[in-house]
Amino acid sequence: MKKPFMYTHCLASVDGRIIGNSMRLPEEIAAAPFFKDRGYNGSVYPKGSLMMGTNSVEGDVVKGTIPAEDPACVVPEGDFIACDDSDKYTVILDRKGRLPWSQNYFVYNATEYPLISVLTEKVSNTYKKYLRDLGISYVICGTEEIDFDMLFEKLVDIFHIETLIVGGGGAMNWSMVRKGYADEVSIVIFPAADGNKEAVGYFSGDPNKDEDMPVAFNLLDCVVDKESESVWLRYSVKKIWTKEEFTETYGDGRGEFVTAEHR
């Protein structure tokens, strides 16, 4: 399968949260330049495109108005490519076609990224025409759920994307790692926490879809930013455990805090 080099990159509190009151503290603000340098500015990774979900960008979308459904609306079948010569894009997973764009780019880190909307076959022609009129590229990947194998091949073949930053929330981060798409994990931890167990974590599995199975990592690098007192951790994916492998190796039941041989 073709796919770009992919890594997750987030700024998180000591308790692993990426949303919460701790994000409003000066400790988080102080860590932001270090976070951007590690993940986006080309000092570590090649400058790449972003991939985000609807929940991650909904509050940042410059609001437009989606037209009322028109059953008579007809558009050409297949993908629509408005731009294929940019050096970076924002790839938005919008399987239902519900984001109300008013422009054909997304602004992040003071940079305009041309939009690529990822839709499924269930999205209406009315919404597709809406994107076409705005000059927003879209690709059809999957019937009702997004077919990521198809998506990543299209990102390589059509848009020539070589590096993709997973900039979504905890659910997308975990999904990309768990499914074996993410090559690396990058996280900057700033010195604060709020203990809110309801806040979104760096990794958040869906209990209705995801098995409670672990993923192991290899440490590639660790850098301390003395100015902000934050820490950057970089890992490659070592092993994605299946339920069968895990049960055969470790058995069923809850794991002990300290294994017997180390007590």
C-alpha atoms as a PDB file:
ATOM      1  CA  MET A   1       0.000   0.000   0.000  1.00  0.00           C
ATOM      2  CA  LYS A   2       1.217   3.482  -0.853  1.00  0.00           C
ATOM      3  CA  LYS A   3       1.107   6.025   1.934  1.00  0.00           C
ATOM      4  CA  PRO A   4       2.978   9.107   3.111  1.00  0.00           C
ATOM      5  CA  PHE A   5       5.345   9.010   6.059  1.00  0.00           C
ATOM      6  CA  MET A   6       2.987   9.735   8.961  1.00  0.00           C
ATOM      7  CA  TYR A   7       3.457  10.892  12.522  1.00  0.00           C
ATOM      8  CA  THR A   8       1.176  12.087  15.303  1.00  0.00           C
ATOM      9  CA  HIS A   9       2.165  15.343  16.985  1.00  0.00           C
ATOM     10  CA  CYS A  10       0.468  16.873  20.018  1.00  0.00           C
ATOM     11  CA  LEU A  11       1.063  19.210  22.943  1.00  0.00           C
ATOM     12  CA  ALA A  12      -0.102  17.526  26.150  1.00  0.00           C
ATOM     13  CA  SER A  13      -0.180  18.104  29.886  1.00  0.00           C
ATOM     14  CA  VAL A  14       1.688  15.858  32.337  1.00  0.00           C
ATOM     15  CA  ASP A  15      -1.481  13.777  32.714  1.00  0.00           C
ATOM     16  CA  GLY A  16      -1.605  13.228  28.964  1.00  0.00           C
ATOM     17  CA  ARG A  17      -4.517  15.548  28.165  1.00  0.00           C
ATOM     18  CA  ILE A  18      -4.677  17.610  24.998  1.00  0.00           C
ATOM     19  CA  ILE A  19      -7.800  19.551  26.005  1.00  0.00           C
ATOM     20  CA  GLY A  20      -8.608  21.013  29.415  1.00  0.00           C
ATOM     21  CA  ASN A  21      -8.074  23.917  31.772  1.00  0.00           C
ATOM     22  CA  SER A  22      -4.345  23.231  31.952  1.00  0.00           C
ATOM     23  CA  MET A  23      -4.148  24.323  28.312  1.00  0.00           C
ATOM     24  CA  ARG A  24      -5.023  27.870  29.418  1.00  0.00           C
ATOM     25  CA  LEU A  25      -2.027  28.214  31.727  1.00  0.00           C
ATOM     26  CA  PRO A  26       1.177  30.155  30.966  1.00  0.00           C
ATOM     27  CA  GLU A  27       3.068  26.844  31.078  1.00  0.00           C
ATOM     28  CA  GLU A  28       1.214  25.703  27.971  1.00  0.00           C
ATOM     29  CA  ILE A  29       1.748  29.037  26.227  1.00  0.00           C
ATOM     30  CA  ALA A  30       5.470  28.921  26.993  1.00  0.00           C
ATOM     31  CA  ALA A  31       5.752  25.436  25.471  1.00  0.00           C
ATOM     32  CA  ALA A  32       3.959  26.359  22.219  1.00  0.00           C
ATOM     33  CA  PRO A  33       7.039  27.615  20.281  1.00  0.00           C
ATOM     34  CA  PHE A  34       8.975  24.464  21.213  1.00  0.00           C
ATOM     35  CA  PHE A  35       5.987  22.345  20.161  1.00  0.00           C
ATOM     36  CA  LYS A  36       5.750  24.071  16.768  1.00  0.00           C
ATOM     37  CA  ASP A  37       9.499  23.794  16.215  1.00  0.00           C
ATOM     38  CA  ARG A  38       9.567  20.054  16.922  1.00  0.00           C
ATOM     39  CA  GLY A  39       6.634  19.190  14.674  1.00  0.00           C
ATOM     40  CA  TYR A  40       5.972  21.760  12.000  1.00  0.00           C
ATOM     41  CA  ASN A  41       8.904  24.000  11.124  1.00  0.00           C
ATOM     42  CA  GLY A  42      11.151  21.462   9.437  1.00  0.00           C
ATOM     43  CA  SER A  43      13.774  21.224  12.186  1.00  0.00           C
ATOM     44  CA  VAL A  44      12.978  17.544  12.838  1.00  0.00           C
ATOM     45  CA  TYR A  45      10.518  16.329  10.212  1.00  0.00           C
ATOM     46  CA  PRO A  46      10.176  17.492   6.605  1.00  0.00           C
ATOM     47  CA  LYS A  47       7.495  20.139   6.312  1.00  0.00           C
ATOM     48  CA  GLY A  48       4.337  18.225   5.521  1.00  0.00           C
ATOM     49  CA  SER A  49       0.588  18.311   5.131  1.00  0.00           C
ATOM     50  CA  LEU A  50      -1.894  18.120   7.998  1.00  0.00           C
ATOM     51  CA  MET A  51      -4.660  15.566   8.488  1.00  0.00           C
ATOM     52  CA  MET A  52      -7.485  16.472  10.846  1.00  0.00           C
ATOM     53  CA  GLY A  53     -11.002  15.313  11.677  1.00  0.00           C
ATOM     54  CA  THR A  54     -14.224  17.286  11.740  1.00  0.00           C
ATOM     55  CA  ASN A  55     -14.279  17.585  15.534  1.00  0.00           C
ATOM     56  CA  SER A  56     -10.748  19.003  15.608  1.00  0.00           C
ATOM     57  CA  VAL A  57     -11.391  21.788  13.104  1.00  0.00           C
ATOM     58  CA  GLU A  58     -15.077  22.568  13.568  1.00  0.00           C
ATOM     59  CA  GLY A  59     -14.446  25.477  15.919  1.00  0.00           C
ATOM     60  CA  ASP A  60     -11.790  26.917  13.595  1.00  0.00           C
ATOM     61  CA  VAL A  61     -13.762  26.725  10.355  1.00  0.00           C
ATOM     62  CA  VAL A  62     -14.551  30.105   8.830  1.00  0.00           C
ATOM     63  CA  LYS A  63     -18.285  29.615   8.727  1.00  0.00           C
ATOM     64  CA  GLY A  64     -20.070  29.525   5.403  1.00  0.00           C
ATOM     65  CA  THR A  65     -23.582  28.358   4.617  1.00  0.00           C
ATOM     66  CA  ILE A  66     -24.265  24.926   3.173  1.00  0.00           C
ATOM     67  CA  PRO A  67     -27.107  25.162   0.629  1.00  0.00           C
ATOM     68  CA  ALA A  68     -30.375  23.351   1.186  1.00  0.00           C
ATOM     69  CA  GLU A  69     -30.468  19.876  -0.308  1.00  0.00           C
ATOM     70  CA  ASP A  70     -31.395  19.850  -3.974  1.00  0.00           C
ATOM     71  CA  PRO A  71     -32.413  16.359  -5.176  1.00  0.00           C
ATOM     72  CA  ALA A  72     -31.980  17.520  -8.777  1.00  0.00           C
ATOM     73  CA  CYS A  73     -28.360  18.577  -8.271  1.00  0.00           C
ATOM     74  CA  VAL A  74     -25.918  16.711 -10.502  1.00  0.00           C
ATOM     75  CA  VAL A  75     -22.115  16.773 -10.398  1.00  0.00           C
ATOM     76  CA  PRO A  76     -19.540  14.668 -12.275  1.00  0.00           C
ATOM     77  CA  GLU A  77     -18.766  11.348 -10.623  1.00  0.00           C
ATOM     78  CA  GLY A  78     -15.541  10.735  -8.761  1.00  0.00           C
ATOM     79  CA  ASP A  79     -13.027  13.080  -7.178  1.00  0.00           C
ATOM     80  CA  PHE A  80     -12.690  16.811  -7.747  1.00  0.00           C
ATOM     81  CA  ILE A  81      -9.180  18.246  -7.865  1.00  0.00           C
ATOM     82  CA  ALA A  82      -9.037  22.023  -7.515  1.00  0.00           C
ATOM     83  CA  CYS A  83      -5.343  22.164  -6.609  1.00  0.00           C
ATOM     84  CA  ASP A  84      -2.618  19.533  -7.006  1.00  0.00           C
ATOM     85  CA  ASP A  85       0.551  21.611  -7.070  1.00  0.00           C
ATOM     86  CA  SER A  86       0.867  22.833  -3.489  1.00  0.00           C
ATOM     87  CA  ASP A  87       3.759  21.705  -1.277  1.00  0.00           C
ATOM     88  CA  LYS A  88       1.368  21.172   1.646  1.00  0.00           C
ATOM     89  CA  TYR A  89      -2.352  20.707   2.265  1.00  0.00           C
ATOM     90  CA  THR A  90      -4.883  20.264   5.039  1.00  0.00           C
ATOM     91  CA  VAL A  91      -6.643  16.930   4.665  1.00  0.00           C
ATOM     92  CA  ILE A  92     -10.014  16.986   6.442  1.00  0.00           C
ATOM     93  CA  LEU A  93     -11.862  13.758   7.218  1.00  0.00           C
ATOM     94  CA  ASP A  94     -15.506  14.732   6.653  1.00  0.00           C
ATOM     95  CA  ARG A  95     -17.221  11.467   5.787  1.00  0.00           C
ATOM     96  CA  LYS A  96     -20.732  12.930   6.123  1.00  0.00           C
ATOM     97  CA  GLY A  97     -20.037  16.225   4.371  1.00  0.00           C
ATOM     98  CA  ARG A  98     -21.081  18.597   7.135  1.00  0.00           C
ATOM     99  CA  LEU A  99     -18.399  21.297   7.504  1.00  0.00           C
ATOM    100  CA  PRO A 100     -19.572  24.779   6.417  1.00  0.00           C
ATOM    101  CA  TRP A 101     -16.507  26.174   4.667  1.00  0.00           C
ATOM    102  CA  SER A 102     -16.354  29.695   3.272  1.00  0.00           C
ATOM    103  CA  GLN A 103     -12.823  29.477   1.820  1.00  0.00           C
ATOM    104  CA  ASN A 104     -10.683  26.845   0.161  1.00  0.00           C
ATOM    105  CA  TYR A 105      -7.805  26.848   2.647  1.00  0.00           C
ATOM    106  CA  PHE A 106      -7.185  26.268   6.348  1.00  0.00           C
ATOM    107  CA  VAL A 107      -4.871  28.503   8.370  1.00  0.00           C
ATOM    108  CA  TYR A 108      -2.526  26.822  10.845  1.00  0.00           C
ATOM    109  CA  ASN A 109       0.689  28.147  12.334  1.00  0.00           C
ATOM    110  CA  ALA A 110       0.277  31.326  10.242  1.00  0.00           C
ATOM    111  CA  THR A 111       0.271  29.250   7.040  1.00  0.00           C
ATOM    112  CA  GLU A 112      -2.522  28.745   4.501  1.00  0.00           C
ATOM    113  CA  TYR A 113      -2.990  25.090   3.583  1.00  0.00           C
ATOM    114  CA  PRO A 114      -5.217  24.304   0.548  1.00  0.00           C
ATOM    115  CA  LEU A 115      -8.074  22.038   1.618  1.00  0.00           C
ATOM    116  CA  ILE A 116      -8.668  18.439   0.626  1.00  0.00           C
ATOM    117  CA  SER A 117     -12.018  17.201   1.907  1.00  0.00           C
ATOM    118  CA  VAL A 118     -12.276  13.426   2.361  1.00  0.00           C
ATOM    119  CA  LEU A 119     -15.831  12.270   1.692  1.00  0.00           C
ATOM    120  CA  THR A 120     -17.671   8.977   1.375  1.00  0.00           C
ATOM    121  CA  GLU A 121     -20.144   7.883  -1.287  1.00  0.00           C
ATOM    122  CA  LYS A 122     -23.022   8.835   1.024  1.00  0.00           C
ATOM    123  CA  VAL A 123     -22.299  12.575   0.738  1.00  0.00           C
ATOM    124  CA  SER A 124     -24.884  14.393  -1.378  1.00  0.00           C
ATOM    125  CA  ASN A 125     -24.303  16.044  -4.735  1.00  0.00           C
ATOM    126  CA  THR A 126     -25.476  19.305  -3.183  1.00  0.00           C
ATOM    127  CA  TYR A 127     -22.557  19.306  -0.768  1.00  0.00           C
ATOM    128  CA  LYS A 128     -20.105  18.255  -3.483  1.00  0.00           C
ATOM    129  CA  LYS A 129     -21.248  21.161  -5.677  1.00  0.00           C
ATOM    130  CA  TYR A 130     -20.830  23.457  -2.685  1.00  0.00           C
ATOM    131  CA  LEU A 131     -17.178  22.382  -2.402  1.00  0.00           C
ATOM    132  CA  ARG A 132     -16.667  22.715  -6.150  1.00  0.00           C
ATOM    133  CA  ASP A 133     -18.021  26.259  -6.138  1.00  0.00           C
ATOM    134  CA  LEU A 134     -15.581  27.161  -3.345  1.00  0.00           C
ATOM    135  CA  GLY A 135     -12.653  25.571  -5.168  1.00  0.00           C
ATOM    136  CA  ILE A 136     -12.134  22.883  -2.517  1.00  0.00           C
ATOM    137  CA  SER A 137     -10.679  19.572  -3.684  1.00  0.00           C
ATOM    138  CA  TYR A 138     -12.433  16.428  -2.527  1.00  0.00           C
ATOM    139  CA  VAL A 139     -11.744  12.709  -2.797  1.00  0.00           C
ATOM    140  CA  ILE A 140     -14.293   9.917  -2.387  1.00  0.00           C
ATOM    141  CA  CYS A 141     -12.881   7.161  -0.185  1.00  0.00           C
ATOM    142  CA  GLY A 142     -15.278   4.490   1.016  1.00  0.00           C
ATOM    143  CA  THR A 143     -19.004   3.820   1.064  1.00  0.00           C
ATOM    144  CA  GLU A 144     -20.066   4.915   4.553  1.00  0.00           C
ATOM    145  CA  GLU A 145     -16.771   4.848   6.468  1.00  0.00           C
ATOM    146  CA  ILE A 146     -13.474   6.240   5.184  1.00  0.00           C
ATOM    147  CA  ASP A 147     -11.276   3.712   3.398  1.00  0.00           C
ATOM    148  CA  PHE A 148      -7.844   4.837   4.585  1.00  0.00           C
ATOM    149  CA  ASP A 149      -5.889   2.579   2.241  1.00  0.00           C
ATOM    150  CA  MET A 150      -7.647   4.248  -0.676  1.00  0.00           C
ATOM    151  CA  LEU A 151      -7.199   7.700   0.838  1.00  0.00           C
ATOM    152  CA  PHE A 152      -3.460   7.419   1.392  1.00  0.00           C
ATOM    153  CA  GLU A 153      -2.878   6.106  -2.129  1.00  0.00           C
ATOM    154  CA  LYS A 154      -4.767   9.093  -3.530  1.00  0.00           C
ATOM    155  CA  LEU A 155      -2.806  11.523  -1.366  1.00  0.00           C
ATOM    156  CA  VAL A 156       0.417  10.107  -2.801  1.00  0.00           C
ATOM    157  CA  ASP A 157      -0.687   9.643  -6.419  1.00  0.00           C
ATOM    158  CA  ILE A 158      -2.779  12.779  -6.934  1.00  0.00           C
ATOM    159  CA  PHE A 159      -1.362  15.332  -4.501  1.00  0.00           C
ATOM    160  CA  HIS A 160       2.189  13.965  -4.173  1.00  0.00           C
ATOM    161  CA  ILE A 161       2.072  14.183  -0.370  1.00  0.00           C
ATOM    162  CA  GLU A 162       5.194  12.607   1.124  1.00  0.00           C
ATOM    163  CA  THR A 163       4.800  13.585   4.800  1.00  0.00           C
ATOM    164  CA  LEU A 164       1.506  13.713   6.701  1.00  0.00           C
ATOM    165  CA  ILE A 165       1.100  15.116  10.209  1.00  0.00           C
ATOM    166  CA  VAL A 166      -1.786  13.574  12.123  1.00  0.00           C
ATOM    167  CA  GLY A 167      -3.089  16.673  13.896  1.00  0.00           C
ATOM    168  CA  GLY A 168      -6.370  15.295  15.122  1.00  0.00           C
ATOM    169  CA  GLY A 169      -7.707  14.511  18.547  1.00  0.00           C
ATOM    170  CA  GLY A 170      -7.082  11.475  20.683  1.00  0.00           C
ATOM    171  CA  ALA A 171      -9.407   9.225  18.697  1.00  0.00           C
ATOM    172  CA  MET A 172      -7.682   9.898  15.392  1.00  0.00           C
ATOM    173  CA  ASN A 173      -4.209   9.641  16.945  1.00  0.00           C
ATOM    174  CA  TRP A 174      -5.009   6.227  18.391  1.00  0.00           C
ATOM    175  CA  SER A 175      -6.764   5.008  15.265  1.00  0.00           C
ATOM    176  CA  MET A 176      -3.786   5.855  13.034  1.00  0.00           C
ATOM    177  CA  VAL A 177      -1.336   4.183  15.432  1.00  0.00           C
ATOM    178  CA  ARG A 178      -3.509   1.168  16.155  1.00  0.00           C
ATOM    179  CA  LYS A 179      -4.202   0.509  12.465  1.00  0.00           C
ATOM    180  CA  GLY A 180      -0.502   0.687  11.646  1.00  0.00           C
ATOM    181  CA  TYR A 181      -0.615   3.839   9.549  1.00  0.00           C
ATOM    182  CA  ALA A 182       1.414   6.109  11.847  1.00  0.00           C
ATOM    183  CA  ASP A 183       5.162   5.571  11.636  1.00  0.00           C
ATOM    184  CA  GLU A 184       6.099   7.735  14.614  1.00  0.00           C
ATOM    185  CA  VAL A 185       4.648   9.378  17.698  1.00  0.00           C
ATOM    186  CA  SER A 186       5.766  12.879  18.674  1.00  0.00           C
ATOM    187  CA  ILE A 187       4.592  14.554  21.871  1.00  0.00           C
ATOM    188  CA  VAL A 188       5.606  17.669  23.810  1.00  0.00           C
ATOM    189  CA  ILE A 189       4.682  17.504  27.492  1.00  0.00           C
ATOM    190  CA  PHE A 190       4.331  20.822  29.308  1.00  0.00           C
ATOM    191  CA  PRO A 191       4.578  21.074  33.128  1.00  0.00           C
ATOM    192  CA  ALA A 192       0.952  21.265  34.216  1.00  0.00           C
ATOM    193  CA  ALA A 193      -2.063  19.016  34.779  1.00  0.00           C
ATOM    194  CA  ASP A 194      -5.689  19.348  35.859  1.00  0.00           C
ATOM    195  CA  GLY A 195      -6.668  15.742  36.585  1.00  0.00           C
ATOM    196  CA  ASN A 196      -9.869  15.952  34.546  1.00  0.00           C
ATOM    197  CA  LYS A 197     -10.627  12.353  33.633  1.00  0.00           C
ATOM    198  CA  GLU A 198     -13.269  13.500  31.137  1.00  0.00           C
ATOM    199  CA  ALA A 199     -10.773  15.543  29.098  1.00  0.00           C
ATOM    200  CA  VAL A 200      -9.500  14.116  25.827  1.00  0.00           C
ATOM    201  CA  GLY A 201      -6.181  12.287  26.085  1.00  0.00           C
ATOM    202  CA  TYR A 202      -3.366  12.050  23.563  1.00  0.00           C
ATOM    203  CA  PHE A 203      -4.687   8.588  22.739  1.00  0.00           C
ATOM    204  CA  SER A 204      -8.389   7.856  23.170  1.00  0.00           C
ATOM    205  CA  GLY A 205      -9.764   4.572  21.897  1.00  0.00           C
ATOM    206  CA  ASP A 206     -13.425   4.020  21.130  1.00  0.00           C
ATOM    207  CA  PRO A 207     -14.740   1.345  23.530  1.00  0.00           C
ATOM    208  CA  ASN A 208     -17.408   0.420  20.976  1.00  0.00           C
ATOM    209  CA  LYS A 209     -14.914  -0.120  18.146  1.00  0.00           C
ATOM    210  CA  ASP A 210     -11.411  -0.642  19.536  1.00  0.00           C
ATOM    211  CA  GLU A 211      -9.984  -3.649  21.314  1.00  0.00           C
ATOM    212  CA  ASP A 212      -8.317  -2.906  24.631  1.00  0.00           C
ATOM    213  CA  MET A 213      -4.948  -3.960  23.263  1.00  0.00           C
ATOM    214  CA  PRO A 214      -1.625  -2.131  23.685  1.00  0.00           C
ATOM    215  CA  VAL A 215       0.930  -0.740  21.269  1.00  0.00           C
ATOM    216  CA  ALA A 216       4.637  -0.690  22.178  1.00  0.00           C
ATOM    217  CA  PHE A 217       7.117   1.973  21.058  1.00  0.00           C
ATOM    218  CA  ASN A 218      10.856   2.506  20.627  1.00  0.00           C
ATOM    219  CA  LEU A 219      12.322   5.765  21.946  1.00  0.00           C
ATOM    220  CA  LEU A 220      14.075   7.679  19.161  1.00  0.00           C
ATOM    221  CA  ASP A 221      14.810  10.960  20.890  1.00  0.00           C
ATOM    222  CA  CYS A 222      14.169  12.991  24.030  1.00  0.00           C
ATOM    223  CA  VAL A 223      14.819  16.727  24.286  1.00  0.00           C
ATOM    224  CA  VAL A 224      14.281  19.058  27.232  1.00  0.00           C
ATOM    225  CA  ASP A 225      13.389  22.678  26.532  1.00  0.00           C
ATOM    226  CA  LYS A 226      14.870  24.448  29.539  1.00  0.00           C
ATOM    227  CA  GLU A 227      13.096  27.725  28.825  1.00  0.00           C
ATOM    228  CA  SER A 228       9.585  26.259  29.042  1.00  0.00           C
ATOM    229  CA  GLU A 229      10.526  23.215  31.178  1.00  0.00           C
ATOM    230  CA  SER A 230       8.717  21.016  28.683  1.00  0.00           C
ATOM    231  CA  VAL A 231       9.910  17.717  27.234  1.00  0.00           C
ATOM    232  CA  TRP A 232       9.718  16.389  23.681  1.00  0.00           C
ATOM    233  CA  LEU A 233       9.463  12.629  23.210  1.00  0.00           C
ATOM    234  CA  ARG A 234       9.816  10.922  19.848  1.00  0.00           C
ATOM    235  CA  TYR A 235       8.972   7.248  19.323  1.00  0.00           C
ATOM    236  CA  SER A 236       8.703   4.805  16.460  1.00  0.00           C
ATOM    237  CA  VAL A 237       6.016   2.140  16.551  1.00  0.00           C
ATOM    238  CA  LYS A 238       7.552  -1.096  17.811  1.00  0.00           C
ATOM    239  CA  LYS A 239       4.666  -3.576  18.013  1.00  0.00           C
ATOM    240  CA  ILE A 240       0.915  -3.456  17.620  1.00  0.00           C
ATOM    241  CA  TRP A 241      -0.485  -6.260  19.721  1.00  0.00           C
ATOM    242  CA  THR A 242      -3.436  -8.335  18.528  1.00  0.00           C
ATOM    243  CA  LYS A 243      -5.761  -9.905  21.060  1.00  0.00           C
ATOM    244  CA  GLU A 244      -4.664 -13.395  20.066  1.00  0.00           C
ATOM    245  CA  GLU A 245      -0.948 -12.631  20.448  1.00  0.00           C
ATOM    246  CA  PHE A 246      -1.450 -10.791  23.708  1.00  0.00           C
ATOM    247  CA  THR A 247      -3.600 -13.488  25.291  1.00  0.00           C
ATOM    248  CA  GLU A 248      -1.201 -16.223  24.204  1.00  0.00           C
ATOM    249  CA  THR A 249       1.762 -14.330  25.674  1.00  0.00           C
ATOM    250  CA  TYR A 250       0.281 -12.783  28.828  1.00  0.00           C
ATOM    251  CA  GLY A 251      -3.009 -14.545  29.405  1.00  0.00           C
ATOM    252  CA  ASP A 252      -6.360 -13.018  30.319  1.00  0.00           C
ATOM    253  CA  GLY A 253      -7.174 -10.754  33.212  1.00  0.00           C
ATOM    254  CA  ARG A 254      -5.904  -7.463  34.480  1.00  0.00           C
ATOM    255  CA  GLY A 255      -2.164  -6.887  34.475  1.00  0.00           C
ATOM    256  CA  GLU A 256      -0.341  -6.380  37.764  1.00  0.00           C
ATOM    257  CA  PHE A 257       1.201  -3.011  38.580  1.00  0.00           C
ATOM    258  CA  VAL A 258       4.525  -4.738  39.226  1.00  0.00           C
ATOM    259  CA  THR A 259       5.133  -8.126  37.652  1.00  0.00           C
ATOM    260  CA  ALA A 260       5.828 -10.994  40.012  1.00  0.00           C
ATOM    261  CA  GLU A 261       9.429 -11.492  38.950  1.00  0.00           C
ATOM    262  CA  HIS A 262      10.272  -7.904  39.907  1.00  0.00           C
ATOM    263  CA  ARG A 263       8.662  -7.812  43.332  1.00  0.00           C
END
